[in-house]
Amino acid sequence: MGQTIWDVLASCEGGWVAISRDGKVIAHAGSLEEAERLVAGERHRVTFLYSARTDQAGPSLTPEEPVPSRASTT
């Protein structure tokens, strides 16, 4: 108890975290499918967050760049 969301995400790097509407972590797993299975009855009441690994350097967005869309074909 008492952990911030940042502490939880850091401890689950490379995995998925399921958070309830009141902000409680209710599950974490290595894959989205596993996280969904763990919260099967509550799926409509949770938010899934992917905790990216912080040791991997990747492109960062600047305010001038558009946010990539899943529907993008480029």
PDB file of N, CA and C in Angstrom:
ATOM      1  N   MET A   1       0.837  -1.180   0.000  1.00  0.00           N
ATOM      2  CA  MET A   1       0.000   0.000   0.000  1.00  0.00           C
ATOM      3  C   MET A   1       0.884   1.245   0.000  1.00  0.00           C
ATOM      4  N   GLY A   2       0.316   2.323  -0.470  1.00  0.00           N
ATOM      5  CA  GLY A   2       1.030   3.572  -0.470  1.00  0.00           C
ATOM      6  C   GLY A   2       1.928   3.798  -1.669  1.00  0.00           C
ATOM      7  N   GLN A   3       1.971   2.847  -2.606  1.00  0.00           N
ATOM      8  CA  GLN A   3       2.791   3.034  -3.794  1.00  0.00           C
ATOM      9  C   GLN A   3       2.113   3.993  -4.759  1.00  0.00           C
ATOM     10  N   THR A   4       2.913   4.788  -5.432  1.00  0.00           N
ATOM     11  CA  THR A   4       2.358   5.633  -6.481  1.00  0.00           C
ATOM     12  C   THR A   4       2.203   4.804  -7.745  1.00  0.00           C
ATOM     13  N   ILE A   5       1.417   5.291  -8.684  1.00  0.00           N
ATOM     14  CA  ILE A   5       1.253   4.581  -9.955  1.00  0.00           C
ATOM     15  C   ILE A   5       2.597   4.446 -10.651  1.00  0.00           C
ATOM     16  N   TRP A   6       3.476   5.431 -10.467  1.00  0.00           N
ATOM     17  CA  TRP A   6       4.792   5.373 -11.110  1.00  0.00           C
ATOM     18  C   TRP A   6       5.618   4.235 -10.540  1.00  0.00           C
ATOM     19  N   ASP A   7       5.528   3.990  -9.235  1.00  0.00           N
ATOM     20  CA  ASP A   7       6.241   2.868  -8.622  1.00  0.00           C
ATOM     21  C   ASP A   7       5.723   1.543  -9.169  1.00  0.00           C
ATOM     22  N   VAL A   8       4.413   1.441  -9.296  1.00  0.00           N
ATOM     23  CA  VAL A   8       3.804   0.212  -9.810  1.00  0.00           C
ATOM     24  C   VAL A   8       4.233  -0.019 -11.252  1.00  0.00           C
ATOM     25  N   LEU A   9       4.143   1.012 -12.083  1.00  0.00           N
ATOM     26  CA  LEU A   9       4.534   0.862 -13.484  1.00  0.00           C
ATOM     27  C   LEU A   9       6.011   0.509 -13.614  1.00  0.00           C
ATOM     28  N   ALA A  10       6.853   1.092 -12.781  1.00  0.00           N
ATOM     29  CA  ALA A  10       8.280   0.779 -12.821  1.00  0.00           C
ATOM     30  C   ALA A  10       8.532  -0.678 -12.452  1.00  0.00           C
ATOM     31  N   SER A  11       7.772  -1.207 -11.507  1.00  0.00           N
ATOM     32  CA  SER A  11       7.971  -2.599 -11.098  1.00  0.00           C
ATOM     33  C   SER A  11       7.393  -3.592 -12.099  1.00  0.00           C
ATOM     34  N   CYS A  12       6.570  -3.119 -13.021  1.00  0.00           N
ATOM     35  CA  CYS A  12       5.934  -3.988 -14.021  1.00  0.00           C
ATOM     36  C   CYS A  12       6.425  -3.675 -15.430  1.00  0.00           C
ATOM     37  N   GLU A  13       7.626  -3.137 -15.570  1.00  0.00           N
ATOM     38  CA  GLU A  13       8.132  -2.746 -16.884  1.00  0.00           C
ATOM     39  C   GLU A  13       8.002  -3.871 -17.893  1.00  0.00           C
ATOM     40  N   GLY A  14       7.513  -3.527 -19.066  1.00  0.00           N
ATOM     41  CA  GLY A  14       7.354  -4.506 -20.129  1.00  0.00           C
ATOM     42  C   GLY A  14       6.088  -5.322 -20.015  1.00  0.00           C
ATOM     43  N   GLY A  15       5.209  -4.957 -19.093  1.00  0.00           N
ATOM     44  CA  GLY A  15       3.971  -5.705 -18.896  1.00  0.00           C
ATOM     45  C   GLY A  15       2.758  -4.802 -18.874  1.00  0.00           C
ATOM     46  N   TRP A  16       1.624  -5.395 -18.578  1.00  0.00           N
ATOM     47  CA  TRP A  16       0.340  -4.690 -18.554  1.00  0.00           C
ATOM     48  C   TRP A  16      -0.174  -4.594 -17.131  1.00  0.00           C
ATOM     49  N   VAL A  17      -0.766  -3.454 -16.808  1.00  0.00           N
ATOM     50  CA  VAL A  17      -1.329  -3.211 -15.485  1.00  0.00           C
ATOM     51  C   VAL A  17      -2.803  -2.866 -15.667  1.00  0.00           C
ATOM     52  N   ALA A  18      -3.674  -3.507 -14.884  1.00  0.00           N
ATOM     53  CA  ALA A  18      -5.109  -3.205 -14.908  1.00  0.00           C
ATOM     54  C   ALA A  18      -5.437  -2.372 -13.679  1.00  0.00           C
ATOM     55  N   ILE A  19      -6.057  -1.215 -13.912  1.00  0.00           N
ATOM     56  CA  ILE A  19      -6.370  -0.282 -12.831  1.00  0.00           C
ATOM     57  C   ILE A  19      -7.875  -0.076 -12.768  1.00  0.00           C
ATOM     58  N   SER A  20      -8.430  -0.159 -11.562  1.00  0.00           N
ATOM     59  CA  SER A  20      -9.868   0.030 -11.381  1.00  0.00           C
ATOM     60  C   SER A  20     -10.222   1.510 -11.463  1.00  0.00           C
ATOM     61  N   ARG A  21     -11.510   1.789 -11.535  1.00  0.00           N
ATOM     62  CA  ARG A  21     -11.976   3.186 -11.627  1.00  0.00           C
ATOM     63  C   ARG A  21     -11.563   4.020 -10.427  1.00  0.00           C
ATOM     64  N   ASP A  22     -11.385   3.379  -9.279  1.00  0.00           N
ATOM     65  CA  ASP A  22     -10.981   4.143  -8.095  1.00  0.00           C
ATOM     66  C   ASP A  22      -9.463   4.196  -7.923  1.00  0.00           C
ATOM     67  N   GLY A  23      -8.723   3.788  -8.959  1.00  0.00           N
ATOM     68  CA  GLY A  23      -7.274   3.945  -8.960  1.00  0.00           C
ATOM     69  C   GLY A  23      -6.472   2.815  -8.366  1.00  0.00           C
ATOM     70  N   LYS A  24      -7.104   1.699  -8.040  1.00  0.00           N
ATOM     71  CA  LYS A  24      -6.385   0.574  -7.455  1.00  0.00           C
ATOM     72  C   LYS A  24      -5.883  -0.367  -8.546  1.00  0.00           C
ATOM     73  N   VAL A  25      -4.645  -0.840  -8.380  1.00  0.00           N
ATOM     74  CA  VAL A  25      -4.112  -1.846  -9.295  1.00  0.00           C
ATOM     75  C   VAL A  25      -4.756  -3.169  -8.918  1.00  0.00           C
ATOM     76  N   ILE A  26      -5.450  -3.780  -9.875  1.00  0.00           N
ATOM     77  CA  ILE A  26      -6.138  -5.034  -9.566  1.00  0.00           C
ATOM     78  C   ILE A  26      -5.492  -6.238 -10.229  1.00  0.00           C
ATOM     79  N   ALA A  27      -4.600  -6.008 -11.186  1.00  0.00           N
ATOM     80  CA  ALA A  27      -3.880  -7.114 -11.820  1.00  0.00           C
ATOM     81  C   ALA A  27      -2.703  -6.562 -12.604  1.00  0.00           C
ATOM     82  N   HIS A  28      -1.716  -7.410 -12.786  1.00  0.00           N
ATOM     83  CA  HIS A  28      -0.628  -7.085 -13.706  1.00  0.00           C
ATOM     84  C   HIS A  28      -0.156  -8.385 -14.327  1.00  0.00           C
ATOM     85  N   ALA A  29       0.264  -8.306 -15.584  1.00  0.00           N
ATOM     86  CA  ALA A  29       0.641  -9.508 -16.318  1.00  0.00           C
ATOM     87  C   ALA A  29       1.606  -9.141 -17.438  1.00  0.00           C
ATOM     88  N   GLY A  30       2.233 -10.155 -17.993  1.00  0.00           N
ATOM     89  CA  GLY A  30       3.183  -9.947 -19.074  1.00  0.00           C
ATOM     90  C   GLY A  30       2.545  -9.672 -20.416  1.00  0.00           C
ATOM     91  N   SER A  31       1.294 -10.086 -20.592  1.00  0.00           N
ATOM     92  CA  SER A  31       0.610  -9.847 -21.867  1.00  0.00           C
ATOM     93  C   SER A  31      -0.772  -9.257 -21.604  1.00  0.00           C
ATOM     94  N   LEU A  32      -1.292  -8.559 -22.604  1.00  0.00           N
ATOM     95  CA  LEU A  32      -2.628  -7.982 -22.475  1.00  0.00           C
ATOM     96  C   LEU A  32      -3.670  -9.084 -22.324  1.00  0.00           C
ATOM     97  N   GLU A  33      -3.515 -10.166 -23.071  1.00  0.00           N
ATOM     98  CA  GLU A  33      -4.472 -11.270 -22.990  1.00  0.00           C
ATOM     99  C   GLU A  33      -4.531 -11.853 -21.578  1.00  0.00           C
ATOM    100  N   GLU A  34      -3.368 -12.013 -20.957  1.00  0.00           N
ATOM    101  CA  GLU A  34      -3.327 -12.541 -19.594  1.00  0.00           C
ATOM    102  C   GLU A  34      -3.966 -11.560 -18.609  1.00  0.00           C
ATOM    103  N   ALA A  35      -3.686 -10.272 -18.766  1.00  0.00           N
ATOM    104  CA  ALA A  35      -4.287  -9.261 -17.889  1.00  0.00           C
ATOM    105  C   ALA A  35      -5.802  -9.246 -18.048  1.00  0.00           C
ATOM    106  N   GLU A  36      -6.285  -9.354 -19.285  1.00  0.00           N
ATOM    107  CA  GLU A  36      -7.735  -9.398 -19.523  1.00  0.00           C
ATOM    108  C   GLU A  36      -8.354 -10.629 -18.875  1.00  0.00           C
ATOM    109  N   ARG A  37      -7.667 -11.754 -18.956  1.00  0.00           N
ATOM    110  CA  ARG A  37      -8.177 -12.990 -18.348  1.00  0.00           C
ATOM    111  C   ARG A  37      -8.263 -12.846 -16.825  1.00  0.00           C
ATOM    112  N   LEU A  38      -7.280 -12.198 -16.230  1.00  0.00           N
ATOM    113  CA  LEU A  38      -7.257 -12.029 -14.775  1.00  0.00           C
ATOM    114  C   LEU A  38      -8.400 -11.165 -14.258  1.00  0.00           C
ATOM    115  N   VAL A  39      -8.906 -10.270 -15.091  1.00  0.00           N
ATOM    116  CA  VAL A  39      -9.992  -9.376 -14.672  1.00  0.00           C
ATOM    117  C   VAL A  39     -11.248  -9.618 -15.503  1.00  0.00           C
ATOM    118  N   ALA A  40     -11.447 -10.840 -15.936  1.00  0.00           N
ATOM    119  CA  ALA A  40     -12.517 -11.184 -16.887  1.00  0.00           C
ATOM    120  C   ALA A  40     -13.872 -10.592 -16.526  1.00  0.00           C
ATOM    121  N   GLY A  41     -14.307 -10.692 -15.312  1.00  0.00           N
ATOM    122  CA  GLY A  41     -15.624 -10.199 -14.930  1.00  0.00           C
ATOM    123  C   GLY A  41     -15.704  -8.690 -14.764  1.00  0.00           C
ATOM    124  N   GLU A  42     -14.568  -8.037 -14.700  1.00  0.00           N
ATOM    125  CA  GLU A  42     -14.525  -6.591 -14.444  1.00  0.00           C
ATOM    126  C   GLU A  42     -13.995  -5.801 -15.633  1.00  0.00           C
ATOM    127  N   ARG A  43     -13.871  -6.410 -16.792  1.00  0.00           N
ATOM    128  CA  ARG A  43     -13.218  -5.762 -17.937  1.00  0.00           C
ATOM    129  C   ARG A  43     -13.782  -4.400 -18.280  1.00  0.00           C
ATOM    130  N   HIS A  44     -15.073  -4.230 -18.168  1.00  0.00           N
ATOM    131  CA  HIS A  44     -15.687  -2.945 -18.515  1.00  0.00           C
ATOM    132  C   HIS A  44     -15.442  -1.878 -17.458  1.00  0.00           C
ATOM    133  N   ARG A  45     -14.843  -2.256 -16.346  1.00  0.00           N
ATOM    134  CA  ARG A  45     -14.615  -1.305 -15.252  1.00  0.00           C
ATOM    135  C   ARG A  45     -13.146  -0.989 -15.023  1.00  0.00           C
ATOM    136  N   VAL A  46     -12.270  -1.446 -15.897  1.00  0.00           N
ATOM    137  CA  VAL A  46     -10.841  -1.229 -15.679  1.00  0.00           C
ATOM    138  C   VAL A  46     -10.199  -0.523 -16.868  1.00  0.00           C
ATOM    139  N   THR A  47      -9.052   0.055 -16.589  1.00  0.00           N
ATOM    140  CA  THR A  47      -8.210   0.651 -17.619  1.00  0.00           C
ATOM    141  C   THR A  47      -6.936  -0.166 -17.670  1.00  0.00           C
ATOM    142  N   PHE A  48      -6.495  -0.498 -18.875  1.00  0.00           N
ATOM    143  CA  PHE A  48      -5.253  -1.237 -19.040  1.00  0.00           C
ATOM    144  C   PHE A  48      -4.155  -0.274 -19.476  1.00  0.00           C
ATOM    145  N   LEU A  49      -3.032  -0.313 -18.775  1.00  0.00           N
ATOM    146  CA  LEU A  49      -1.878   0.512 -19.117  1.00  0.00           C
ATOM    147  C   LEU A  49      -0.709  -0.397 -19.448  1.00  0.00           C
ATOM    148  N   TYR A  50       0.020  -0.069 -20.498  1.00  0.00           N
ATOM    149  CA  TYR A  50       1.242  -0.801 -20.811  1.00  0.00           C
ATOM    150  C   TYR A  50       2.400  -0.055 -20.185  1.00  0.00           C
ATOM    151  N   SER A  51       3.220  -0.761 -19.451  1.00  0.00           N
ATOM    152  CA  SER A  51       4.371  -0.151 -18.806  1.00  0.00           C
ATOM    153  C   SER A  51       5.602  -0.407 -19.669  1.00  0.00           C
ATOM    154  N   ALA A  52       5.970   0.571 -20.465  1.00  0.00           N
ATOM    155  CA  ALA A  52       7.103   0.432 -21.382  1.00  0.00           C
ATOM    156  C   ALA A  52       8.402   0.305 -20.600  1.00  0.00           C
ATOM    157  N   ARG A  53       9.326  -0.400 -21.189  1.00  0.00           N
ATOM    158  CA  ARG A  53      10.652  -0.519 -20.575  1.00  0.00           C
ATOM    159  C   ARG A  53      11.377   0.811 -20.730  1.00  0.00           C
ATOM    160  N   THR A  54      11.945   1.280 -19.655  1.00  0.00           N
ATOM    161  CA  THR A  54      12.603   2.586 -19.696  1.00  0.00           C
ATOM    162  C   THR A  54      14.035   2.500 -20.198  1.00  0.00           C
ATOM    163  N   ASP A  55      14.575   1.294 -20.340  1.00  0.00           N
ATOM    164  CA  ASP A  55      15.954   1.160 -20.799  1.00  0.00           C
ATOM    165  C   ASP A  55      16.065   1.163 -22.321  1.00  0.00           C
ATOM    166  N   GLN A  56      14.958   1.205 -23.027  1.00  0.00           N
ATOM    167  CA  GLN A  56      14.972   1.206 -24.484  1.00  0.00           C
ATOM    168  C   GLN A  56      14.782   2.627 -24.991  1.00  0.00           C
ATOM    169  N   ALA A  57      15.793   3.119 -25.678  1.00  0.00           N
ATOM    170  CA  ALA A  57      15.679   4.462 -26.245  1.00  0.00           C
ATOM    171  C   ALA A  57      14.845   4.381 -27.514  1.00  0.00           C
ATOM    172  N   GLY A  58      13.869   5.222 -27.607  1.00  0.00           N
ATOM    173  CA  GLY A  58      13.019   5.249 -28.786  1.00  0.00           C
ATOM    174  C   GLY A  58      12.700   6.674 -29.144  1.00  0.00           C
ATOM    175  N   PRO A  59      11.992   6.863 -30.230  1.00  0.00           N
ATOM    176  CA  PRO A  59      11.646   8.234 -30.619  1.00  0.00           C
ATOM    177  C   PRO A  59      10.708   8.859 -29.597  1.00  0.00           C
ATOM    178  N   SER A  60      10.927  10.108 -29.309  1.00  0.00           N
ATOM    179  CA  SER A  60      10.039  10.807 -28.389  1.00  0.00           C
ATOM    180  C   SER A  60       9.233  11.832 -29.167  1.00  0.00           C
ATOM    181  N   LEU A  61       8.040  12.090 -28.704  1.00  0.00           N
ATOM    182  CA  LEU A  61       7.176  13.064 -29.366  1.00  0.00           C
ATOM    183  C   LEU A  61       7.467  14.455 -28.833  1.00  0.00           C
ATOM    184  N   THR A  62       7.507  15.407 -29.710  1.00  0.00           N
ATOM    185  CA  THR A  62       7.628  16.799 -29.307  1.00  0.00           C
ATOM    186  C   THR A  62       6.272  17.439 -29.555  1.00  0.00           C
ATOM    187  N   PRO A  63       5.998  18.594 -28.981  1.00  0.00           N
ATOM    188  CA  PRO A  63       4.684  19.224 -29.172  1.00  0.00           C
ATOM    189  C   PRO A  63       4.324  19.468 -30.636  1.00  0.00           C
ATOM    190  N   GLU A  64       5.315  19.594 -31.515  1.00  0.00           N
ATOM    191  CA  GLU A  64       5.038  19.854 -32.922  1.00  0.00           C
ATOM    192  C   GLU A  64       4.615  18.594 -33.678  1.00  0.00           C
ATOM    193  N   GLU A  65       4.935  17.429 -33.150  1.00  0.00           N
ATOM    194  CA  GLU A  65       4.652  16.177 -33.845  1.00  0.00           C
ATOM    195  C   GLU A  65       3.262  15.669 -33.483  1.00  0.00           C
ATOM    196  N   PRO A  66       2.524  15.156 -34.461  1.00  0.00           N
ATOM    197  CA  PRO A  66       1.212  14.587 -34.149  1.00  0.00           C
ATOM    198  C   PRO A  66       1.358  13.262 -33.406  1.00  0.00           C
ATOM    199  N   VAL A  67       0.387  12.947 -32.604  1.00  0.00           N
ATOM    200  CA  VAL A  67       0.367  11.666 -31.909  1.00  0.00           C
ATOM    201  C   VAL A  67      -0.007  10.592 -32.920  1.00  0.00           C
ATOM    202  N   PRO A  68       0.770   9.486 -33.006  1.00  0.00           N
ATOM    203  CA  PRO A  68       0.449   8.440 -33.979  1.00  0.00           C
ATOM    204  C   PRO A  68      -0.929   7.843 -33.720  1.00  0.00           C
ATOM    205  N   SER A  69      -1.604   7.506 -34.787  1.00  0.00           N
ATOM    206  CA  SER A  69      -2.932   6.915 -34.693  1.00  0.00           C
ATOM    207  C   SER A  69      -2.858   5.446 -35.034  1.00  0.00           C
ATOM    208  N   ARG A  70      -3.675   4.628 -34.374  1.00  0.00           N
ATOM    209  CA  ARG A  70      -3.733   3.204 -34.707  1.00  0.00           C
ATOM    210  C   ARG A  70      -4.236   2.998 -36.128  1.00  0.00           C
ATOM    211  N   ALA A  71      -5.058   3.911 -36.612  1.00  0.00           N
ATOM    212  CA  ALA A  71      -5.646   3.779 -37.938  1.00  0.00           C
ATOM    213  C   ALA A  71      -4.702   4.263 -39.038  1.00  0.00           C
ATOM    214  N   SER A  72      -3.558   4.771 -38.662  1.00  0.00           N
ATOM    215  CA  SER A  72      -2.626   5.308 -39.642  1.00  0.00           C
ATOM    216  C   SER A  72      -2.125   4.215 -40.572  1.00  0.00           C
ATOM    217  N   THR A  73      -2.035   4.517 -41.845  1.00  0.00           N
ATOM    218  CA  THR A  73      -1.548   3.541 -42.821  1.00  0.00           C
ATOM    219  C   THR A  73      -0.146   3.866 -43.288  1.00  0.00           C
ATOM    220  N   THR A  74       0.476   4.877 -42.694  1.00  0.00           N
ATOM    221  CA  THR A  74       1.828   5.253 -43.108  1.00  0.00           C
ATOM    222  C   THR A  74       2.858   4.580 -42.271  1.00  0.00           C
TER     223      THR A  74
END
